[in-house]
PDB file of N, CA and C in Angstrom:
ATOM      1  N   UNK A   1       7.804  24.897  -4.447  1.00  0.00           N
ATOM      2  CA  UNK A   1       8.527  23.823  -3.779  1.00  0.00           C
ATOM      3  C   UNK A   1       8.539  22.555  -4.621  1.00  0.00           C
ATOM      4  N   UNK A   2       7.561  22.411  -5.491  1.00  0.00           N
ATOM      5  CA  UNK A   2       7.481  21.201  -6.308  1.00  0.00           C
ATOM      6  C   UNK A   2       8.686  21.078  -7.232  1.00  0.00           C
ATOM      7  N   UNK A   3       9.114  22.186  -7.803  1.00  0.00           N
ATOM      8  CA  UNK A   3      10.261  22.160  -8.715  1.00  0.00           C
ATOM      9  C   UNK A   3      11.515  21.709  -7.986  1.00  0.00           C
ATOM     10  N   UNK A   4      11.725  22.216  -6.784  1.00  0.00           N
ATOM     11  CA  UNK A   4      12.902  21.837  -6.006  1.00  0.00           C
ATOM     12  C   UNK A   4      12.841  20.365  -5.620  1.00  0.00           C
ATOM     13  N   UNK A   5      11.665  19.899  -5.224  1.00  0.00           N
ATOM     14  CA  UNK A   5      11.504  18.491  -4.862  1.00  0.00           C
ATOM     15  C   UNK A   5      11.832  17.575  -6.018  1.00  0.00           C
ATOM     16  N   UNK A   6      11.407  17.980  -7.219  1.00  0.00           N
ATOM     17  CA  UNK A   6      11.713  17.193  -8.418  1.00  0.00           C
ATOM     18  C   UNK A   6      13.217  17.172  -8.651  1.00  0.00           C
ATOM     19  N   UNK A   7      13.871  18.297  -8.433  1.00  0.00           N
ATOM     20  CA  UNK A   7      15.323  18.366  -8.607  1.00  0.00           C
ATOM     21  C   UNK A   7      16.057  17.427  -7.674  1.00  0.00           C
ATOM     22  N   UNK A   8      15.655  17.428  -6.400  1.00  0.00           N
ATOM     23  CA  UNK A   8      16.300  16.527  -5.436  1.00  0.00           C
ATOM     24  C   UNK A   8      16.038  15.064  -5.791  1.00  0.00           C
ATOM     25  N   UNK A   9      14.824  14.763  -6.193  1.00  0.00           N
ATOM     26  CA  UNK A   9      14.474  13.377  -6.557  1.00  0.00           C
ATOM     27  C   UNK A   9      15.263  12.946  -7.802  1.00  0.00           C
ATOM     28  N   UNK A  10      15.339  13.841  -8.782  1.00  0.00           N
ATOM     29  CA  UNK A  10      16.080  13.556 -10.012  1.00  0.00           C
ATOM     30  C   UNK A  10      17.548  13.284  -9.689  1.00  0.00           C
ATOM     31  N   UNK A  11      18.116  14.092  -8.820  1.00  0.00           N
ATOM     32  CA  UNK A  11      19.519  13.929  -8.460  1.00  0.00           C
ATOM     33  C   UNK A  11      19.756  12.593  -7.755  1.00  0.00           C
ATOM     34  N   UNK A  12      18.854  12.209  -6.875  1.00  0.00           N
ATOM     35  CA  UNK A  12      18.967  10.940  -6.165  1.00  0.00           C
ATOM     36  C   UNK A  12      18.909   9.764  -7.135  1.00  0.00           C
ATOM     37  N   UNK A  13      17.969   9.804  -8.065  1.00  0.00           N
ATOM     38  CA  UNK A  13      17.831   8.730  -9.063  1.00  0.00           C
ATOM     39  C   UNK A  13      19.082   8.652  -9.932  1.00  0.00           C
ATOM     40  N   UNK A  14      19.573   9.803 -10.353  1.00  0.00           N
ATOM     41  CA  UNK A  14      20.759   9.857 -11.204  1.00  0.00           C
ATOM     42  C   UNK A  14      21.981   9.283 -10.492  1.00  0.00           C
ATOM     43  N   UNK A  15      22.148   9.604  -9.216  1.00  0.00           N
ATOM     44  CA  UNK A  15      23.273   9.053  -8.450  1.00  0.00           C
ATOM     45  C   UNK A  15      23.188   7.535  -8.353  1.00  0.00           C
ATOM     46  N   UNK A  16      21.996   7.020  -8.094  1.00  0.00           N
ATOM     47  CA  UNK A  16      21.821   5.566  -7.988  1.00  0.00           C
ATOM     48  C   UNK A  16      22.129   4.873  -9.313  1.00  0.00           C
ATOM     49  N   UNK A  17      21.682   5.459 -10.419  1.00  0.00           N
ATOM     50  CA  UNK A  17      21.952   4.871 -11.735  1.00  0.00           C
ATOM     51  C   UNK A  17      23.444   4.900 -12.056  1.00  0.00           C
ATOM     52  N   UNK A  18      24.104   5.993 -11.706  1.00  0.00           N
ATOM     53  CA  UNK A  18      25.539   6.111 -11.953  1.00  0.00           C
ATOM     54  C   UNK A  18      26.302   5.068 -11.140  1.00  0.00           C
ATOM     55  N   UNK A  19      25.961   4.944  -9.866  1.00  0.00           N
ATOM     56  CA  UNK A  19      26.625   3.958  -9.010  1.00  0.00           C
ATOM     57  C   UNK A  19      26.431   2.536  -9.541  1.00  0.00           C
ATOM     58  N   UNK A  20      25.219   2.239  -9.977  1.00  0.00           N
ATOM     59  CA  UNK A  20      24.927   0.902 -10.505  1.00  0.00           C
ATOM     60  C   UNK A  20      25.747   0.638 -11.775  1.00  0.00           C
ATOM     61  N   UNK A  21      25.817   1.618 -12.652  1.00  0.00           N
ATOM     62  CA  UNK A  21      26.577   1.457 -13.899  1.00  0.00           C
ATOM     63  C   UNK A  21      28.065   1.270 -13.612  1.00  0.00           C
ATOM     64  N   UNK A  22      28.605   2.033 -12.666  1.00  0.00           N
ATOM     65  CA  UNK A  22      30.028   1.884 -12.315  1.00  0.00           C
ATOM     66  C   UNK A  22      30.311   0.512 -11.731  1.00  0.00           C
ATOM     67  N   UNK A  23      29.426   0.046 -10.897  1.00  0.00           N
ATOM     68  CA  UNK A  23      29.603  -1.280 -10.305  1.00  0.00           C
ATOM     69  C   UNK A  23      29.564  -2.369 -11.376  1.00  0.00           C
ATOM     70  N   UNK A  24      28.618  -2.270 -12.304  1.00  0.00           N
ATOM     71  CA  UNK A  24      28.528  -3.261 -13.383  1.00  0.00           C
ATOM     72  C   UNK A  24      29.758  -3.216 -14.283  1.00  0.00           C
ATOM     73  N   UNK A  25      30.241  -2.011 -14.557  1.00  0.00           N
ATOM     74  CA  UNK A  25      31.440  -1.876 -15.386  1.00  0.00           C
ATOM     75  C   UNK A  25      32.655  -2.459 -14.673  1.00  0.00           C
ATOM     76  N   UNK A  26      32.784  -2.202 -13.379  1.00  0.00           N
ATOM     77  CA  UNK A  26      33.899  -2.749 -12.620  1.00  0.00           C
ATOM     78  C   UNK A  26      33.847  -4.277 -12.589  1.00  0.00           C
ATOM     79  N   UNK A  27      32.649  -4.820 -12.473  1.00  0.00           N
ATOM     80  CA  UNK A  27      32.483  -6.276 -12.500  1.00  0.00           C
ATOM     81  C   UNK A  27      32.926  -6.839 -13.849  1.00  0.00           C
ATOM     82  N   UNK A  28      32.562  -6.166 -14.919  1.00  0.00           N
ATOM     83  CA  UNK A  28      32.977  -6.606 -16.254  1.00  0.00           C
ATOM     84  C   UNK A  28      34.492  -6.531 -16.413  1.00  0.00           C
ATOM     85  N   UNK A  29      35.090  -5.471 -15.869  1.00  0.00           N
ATOM     86  CA  UNK A  29      36.546  -5.331 -15.966  1.00  0.00           C
ATOM     87  C   UNK A  29      37.257  -6.420 -15.171  1.00  0.00           C
ATOM     88  N   UNK A  30      36.689  -6.830 -14.065  1.00  0.00           N
ATOM     89  CA  UNK A  30      37.296  -7.883 -13.254  1.00  0.00           C
ATOM     90  C   UNK A  30      37.428  -9.173 -14.057  1.00  0.00           C
ATOM     91  N   UNK A  31      36.446  -9.441 -14.895  1.00  0.00           N
ATOM     92  CA  UNK A  31      36.489 -10.640 -15.732  1.00  0.00           C
ATOM     93  C   UNK A  31      37.618 -10.569 -16.758  1.00  0.00           C
ATOM     94  N   UNK A  32      37.984  -9.367 -17.198  1.00  0.00           N
ATOM     95  CA  UNK A  32      39.033  -9.200 -18.212  1.00  0.00           C
ATOM     96  C   UNK A  32      40.420  -9.012 -17.608  1.00  0.00           C
ATOM     97  N   UNK A  33      40.485  -8.841 -16.316  1.00  0.00           N
ATOM     98  CA  UNK A  33      41.740  -8.457 -15.673  1.00  0.00           C
ATOM     99  C   UNK A  33      42.872  -9.454 -15.891  1.00  0.00           C
ATOM    100  N   UNK A  34      42.581 -10.729 -15.918  1.00  0.00           N
ATOM    101  CA  UNK A  34      43.644 -11.723 -16.089  1.00  0.00           C
ATOM    102  C   UNK A  34      44.212 -11.703 -17.508  1.00  0.00           C
ATOM    103  N   UNK A  35      43.371 -11.341 -18.475  1.00  0.00           N
ATOM    104  CA  UNK A  35      43.817 -11.321 -19.873  1.00  0.00           C
ATOM    105  C   UNK A  35      44.543 -10.024 -20.242  1.00  0.00           C
ATOM    106  N   UNK A  36      44.042  -8.897 -19.779  1.00  0.00           N
ATOM    107  CA  UNK A  36      44.581  -7.591 -20.162  1.00  0.00           C
ATOM    108  C   UNK A  36      44.722  -6.684 -18.944  1.00  0.00           C
ATOM    109  N   UNK A  37      45.673  -6.949 -18.059  1.00  0.00           N
ATOM    110  CA  UNK A  37      45.771  -6.144 -16.828  1.00  0.00           C
ATOM    111  C   UNK A  37      46.070  -4.661 -17.070  1.00  0.00           C
ATOM    112  N   UNK A  38      46.869  -4.356 -18.099  1.00  0.00           N
ATOM    113  CA  UNK A  38      47.205  -2.953 -18.370  1.00  0.00           C
ATOM    114  C   UNK A  38      45.978  -2.179 -18.851  1.00  0.00           C
ATOM    115  N   UNK A  39      45.198  -2.813 -19.697  1.00  0.00           N
ATOM    116  CA  UNK A  39      43.992  -2.173 -20.225  1.00  0.00           C
ATOM    117  C   UNK A  39      42.988  -1.943 -19.100  1.00  0.00           C
ATOM    118  N   UNK A  40      42.841  -2.926 -18.233  1.00  0.00           N
ATOM    119  CA  UNK A  40      41.903  -2.817 -17.117  1.00  0.00           C
ATOM    120  C   UNK A  40      42.358  -1.716 -16.161  1.00  0.00           C
ATOM    121  N   UNK A  41      43.648  -1.631 -15.914  1.00  0.00           N
ATOM    122  CA  UNK A  41      44.171  -0.575 -15.032  1.00  0.00           C
ATOM    123  C   UNK A  41      43.838   0.795 -15.604  1.00  0.00           C
ATOM    124  N   UNK A  42      44.074   0.980 -16.890  1.00  0.00           N
ATOM    125  CA  UNK A  42      43.763   2.257 -17.538  1.00  0.00           C
ATOM    126  C   UNK A  42      42.263   2.568 -17.502  1.00  0.00           C
ATOM    127  N   UNK A  43      41.464   1.534 -17.712  1.00  0.00           N
ATOM    128  CA  UNK A  43      40.010   1.727 -17.685  1.00  0.00           C
ATOM    129  C   UNK A  43      39.552   2.120 -16.283  1.00  0.00           C
ATOM    130  N   UNK A  44      40.137   1.512 -15.274  1.00  0.00           N
ATOM    131  CA  UNK A  44      39.752   1.853 -13.891  1.00  0.00           C
ATOM    132  C   UNK A  44      40.161   3.279 -13.537  1.00  0.00           C
ATOM    133  N   UNK A  45      41.298   3.726 -14.076  1.00  0.00           N
ATOM    134  CA  UNK A  45      41.706   5.118 -13.854  1.00  0.00           C
ATOM    135  C   UNK A  45      40.699   6.075 -14.495  1.00  0.00           C
ATOM    136  N   UNK A  46      40.239   5.729 -15.677  1.00  0.00           N
ATOM    137  CA  UNK A  46      39.250   6.566 -16.358  1.00  0.00           C
ATOM    138  C   UNK A  46      37.918   6.566 -15.612  1.00  0.00           C
ATOM    139  N   UNK A  47      37.538   5.422 -15.055  1.00  0.00           N
ATOM    140  CA  UNK A  47      36.309   5.351 -14.251  1.00  0.00           C
ATOM    141  C   UNK A  47      36.447   6.244 -13.019  1.00  0.00           C
ATOM    142  N   UNK A  48      37.625   6.235 -12.410  1.00  0.00           N
ATOM    143  CA  UNK A  48      37.855   7.083 -11.234  1.00  0.00           C
ATOM    144  C   UNK A  48      37.737   8.562 -11.604  1.00  0.00           C
ATOM    145  N   UNK A  49      38.260   8.939 -12.762  1.00  0.00           N
ATOM    146  CA  UNK A  49      38.150  10.322 -13.218  1.00  0.00           C
ATOM    147  C   UNK A  49      36.696  10.686 -13.482  1.00  0.00           C
ATOM    148  N   UNK A  50      35.969   9.799 -14.156  1.00  0.00           N
ATOM    149  CA  UNK A  50      34.549  10.038 -14.404  1.00  0.00           C
ATOM    150  C   UNK A  50      33.777  10.169 -13.097  1.00  0.00           C
ATOM    151  N   UNK A  51      34.081   9.325 -12.149  1.00  0.00           N
ATOM    152  CA  UNK A  51      33.398   9.368 -10.856  1.00  0.00           C
ATOM    153  C   UNK A  51      33.664  10.685 -10.138  1.00  0.00           C
ATOM    154  N   UNK A  52      34.900  11.140 -10.205  1.00  0.00           N
ATOM    155  CA  UNK A  52      35.259  12.409  -9.576  1.00  0.00           C
ATOM    156  C   UNK A  52      34.508  13.577 -10.222  1.00  0.00           C
ATOM    157  N   UNK A  53      34.466  13.581 -11.536  1.00  0.00           N
ATOM    158  CA  UNK A  53      33.739  14.638 -12.251  1.00  0.00           C
ATOM    159  C   UNK A  53      32.249  14.592 -11.927  1.00  0.00           C
ATOM    160  N   UNK A  54      31.695  13.391 -11.874  1.00  0.00           N
ATOM    161  CA  UNK A  54      30.276  13.242 -11.558  1.00  0.00           C
ATOM    162  C   UNK A  54      29.992  13.730 -10.139  1.00  0.00           C
ATOM    163  N   UNK A  55      30.881  13.422  -9.204  1.00  0.00           N
ATOM    164  CA  UNK A  55      30.700  13.865  -7.820  1.00  0.00           C
ATOM    165  C   UNK A  55      30.711  15.387  -7.725  1.00  0.00           C
ATOM    166  N   UNK A  56      31.623  16.015  -8.447  1.00  0.00           N
ATOM    167  CA  UNK A  56      31.685  17.476  -8.436  1.00  0.00           C
ATOM    168  C   UNK A  56      30.428  18.090  -9.062  1.00  0.00           C
ATOM    169  N   UNK A  57      29.991  17.524 -10.159  1.00  0.00           N
ATOM    170  CA  UNK A  57      28.785  18.003 -10.818  1.00  0.00           C
ATOM    171  C   UNK A  57      27.565  17.826  -9.922  1.00  0.00           C
ATOM    172  N   UNK A  58      27.481  16.680  -9.274  1.00  0.00           N
ATOM    173  CA  UNK A  58      26.370  16.403  -8.369  1.00  0.00           C
ATOM    174  C   UNK A  58      26.369  17.380  -7.199  1.00  0.00           C
ATOM    175  N   UNK A  59      27.534  17.654  -6.659  1.00  0.00           N
ATOM    176  CA  UNK A  59      27.634  18.596  -5.546  1.00  0.00           C
ATOM    177  C   UNK A  59      27.172  19.988  -5.963  1.00  0.00           C
ATOM    178  N   UNK A  60      27.588  20.427  -7.137  1.00  0.00           N
ATOM    179  CA  UNK A  60      27.169  21.741  -7.618  1.00  0.00           C
ATOM    180  C   UNK A  60      25.667  21.791  -7.872  1.00  0.00           C
ATOM    181  N   UNK A  61      25.116  20.727  -8.442  1.00  0.00           N
ATOM    182  CA  UNK A  61      23.672  20.669  -8.677  1.00  0.00           C
ATOM    183  C   UNK A  61      22.921  20.692  -7.350  1.00  0.00           C
ATOM    184  N   UNK A  62      23.414  19.971  -6.360  1.00  0.00           N
ATOM    185  CA  UNK A  62      22.777  19.949  -5.044  1.00  0.00           C
ATOM    186  C   UNK A  62      22.778  21.351  -4.433  1.00  0.00           C
ATOM    187  N   UNK A  63      23.883  22.059  -4.563  1.00  0.00           N
ATOM    188  CA  UNK A  63      23.971  23.424  -4.055  1.00  0.00           C
ATOM    189  C   UNK A  63      22.947  24.331  -4.742  1.00  0.00           C
ATOM    190  N   UNK A  64      22.809  24.177  -6.045  1.00  0.00           N
ATOM    191  CA  UNK A  64      21.830  24.968  -6.791  1.00  0.00           C
ATOM    192  C   UNK A  64      20.416  24.640  -6.334  1.00  0.00           C
ATOM    193  N   UNK A  65      20.116  23.364  -6.160  1.00  0.00           N
ATOM    194  CA  UNK A  65      18.784  22.962  -5.703  1.00  0.00           C
ATOM    195  C   UNK A  65      18.504  23.503  -4.295  1.00  0.00           C
ATOM    196  N   UNK A  66      19.508  23.479  -3.426  1.00  0.00           N
ATOM    197  CA  UNK A  66      19.324  23.995  -2.080  1.00  0.00           C
ATOM    198  C   UNK A  66      19.076  25.499  -2.093  1.00  0.00           C
ATOM    199  N   UNK A  67      19.826  26.215  -2.924  1.00  0.00           N
ATOM    200  CA  UNK A  67      19.609  27.657  -3.042  1.00  0.00           C
ATOM    201  C   UNK A  67      18.228  27.963  -3.615  1.00  0.00           C
ATOM    202  N   UNK A  68      17.792  27.175  -4.569  1.00  0.00           N
ATOM    203  CA  UNK A  68      16.464  27.360  -5.133  1.00  0.00           C
ATOM    204  C   UNK A  68      15.394  27.128  -4.080  1.00  0.00           C
ATOM    205  N   UNK A  69      15.600  26.123  -3.249  1.00  0.00           N
ATOM    206  CA  UNK A  69      14.635  25.830  -2.179  1.00  0.00           C
ATOM    207  C   UNK A  69      14.541  27.001  -1.204  1.00  0.00           C
ATOM    208  N   UNK A  70      15.680  27.598  -0.874  1.00  0.00           N
ATOM    209  CA  UNK A  70      15.688  28.759   0.029  1.00  0.00           C
ATOM    210  C   UNK A  70      14.952  29.938  -0.596  1.00  0.00           C
ATOM    211  N   UNK A  71      15.166  30.150  -1.879  1.00  0.00           N
ATOM    212  CA  UNK A  71      14.509  31.266  -2.571  1.00  0.00           C
ATOM    213  C   UNK A  71      12.997  31.039  -2.652  1.00  0.00           C
ATOM    214  N   UNK A  72      12.593  29.804  -2.890  1.00  0.00           N
ATOM    215  CA  UNK A  72      11.157  29.493  -2.999  1.00  0.00           C
ATOM    216  C   UNK A  72      10.442  29.709  -1.670  1.00  0.00           C
ATOM    217  N   UNK A  73      11.158  29.452  -0.573  1.00  0.00           N
ATOM    218  CA  UNK A  73      10.540  29.627   0.747  1.00  0.00           C
ATOM    219  C   UNK A  73      10.454  31.109   1.019  1.00  0.00           C
TER     220      UNK A  73
END
């Protein structure tokens, strides 16, 4: 059970770090928006794509951790 617990904890920490980084990046882009609106728009689209990929990866990892927990029990 310890291995599964570490997996869930790792996933939680990783999600929090990702969210914090996205928020900081969005804040930085807001400062540039008046100077380069097209560049900021493109960057925000790329952030949305990265976020979507991260969400899918996180969901798959969570499923694997849950299956591992069931097997360990």
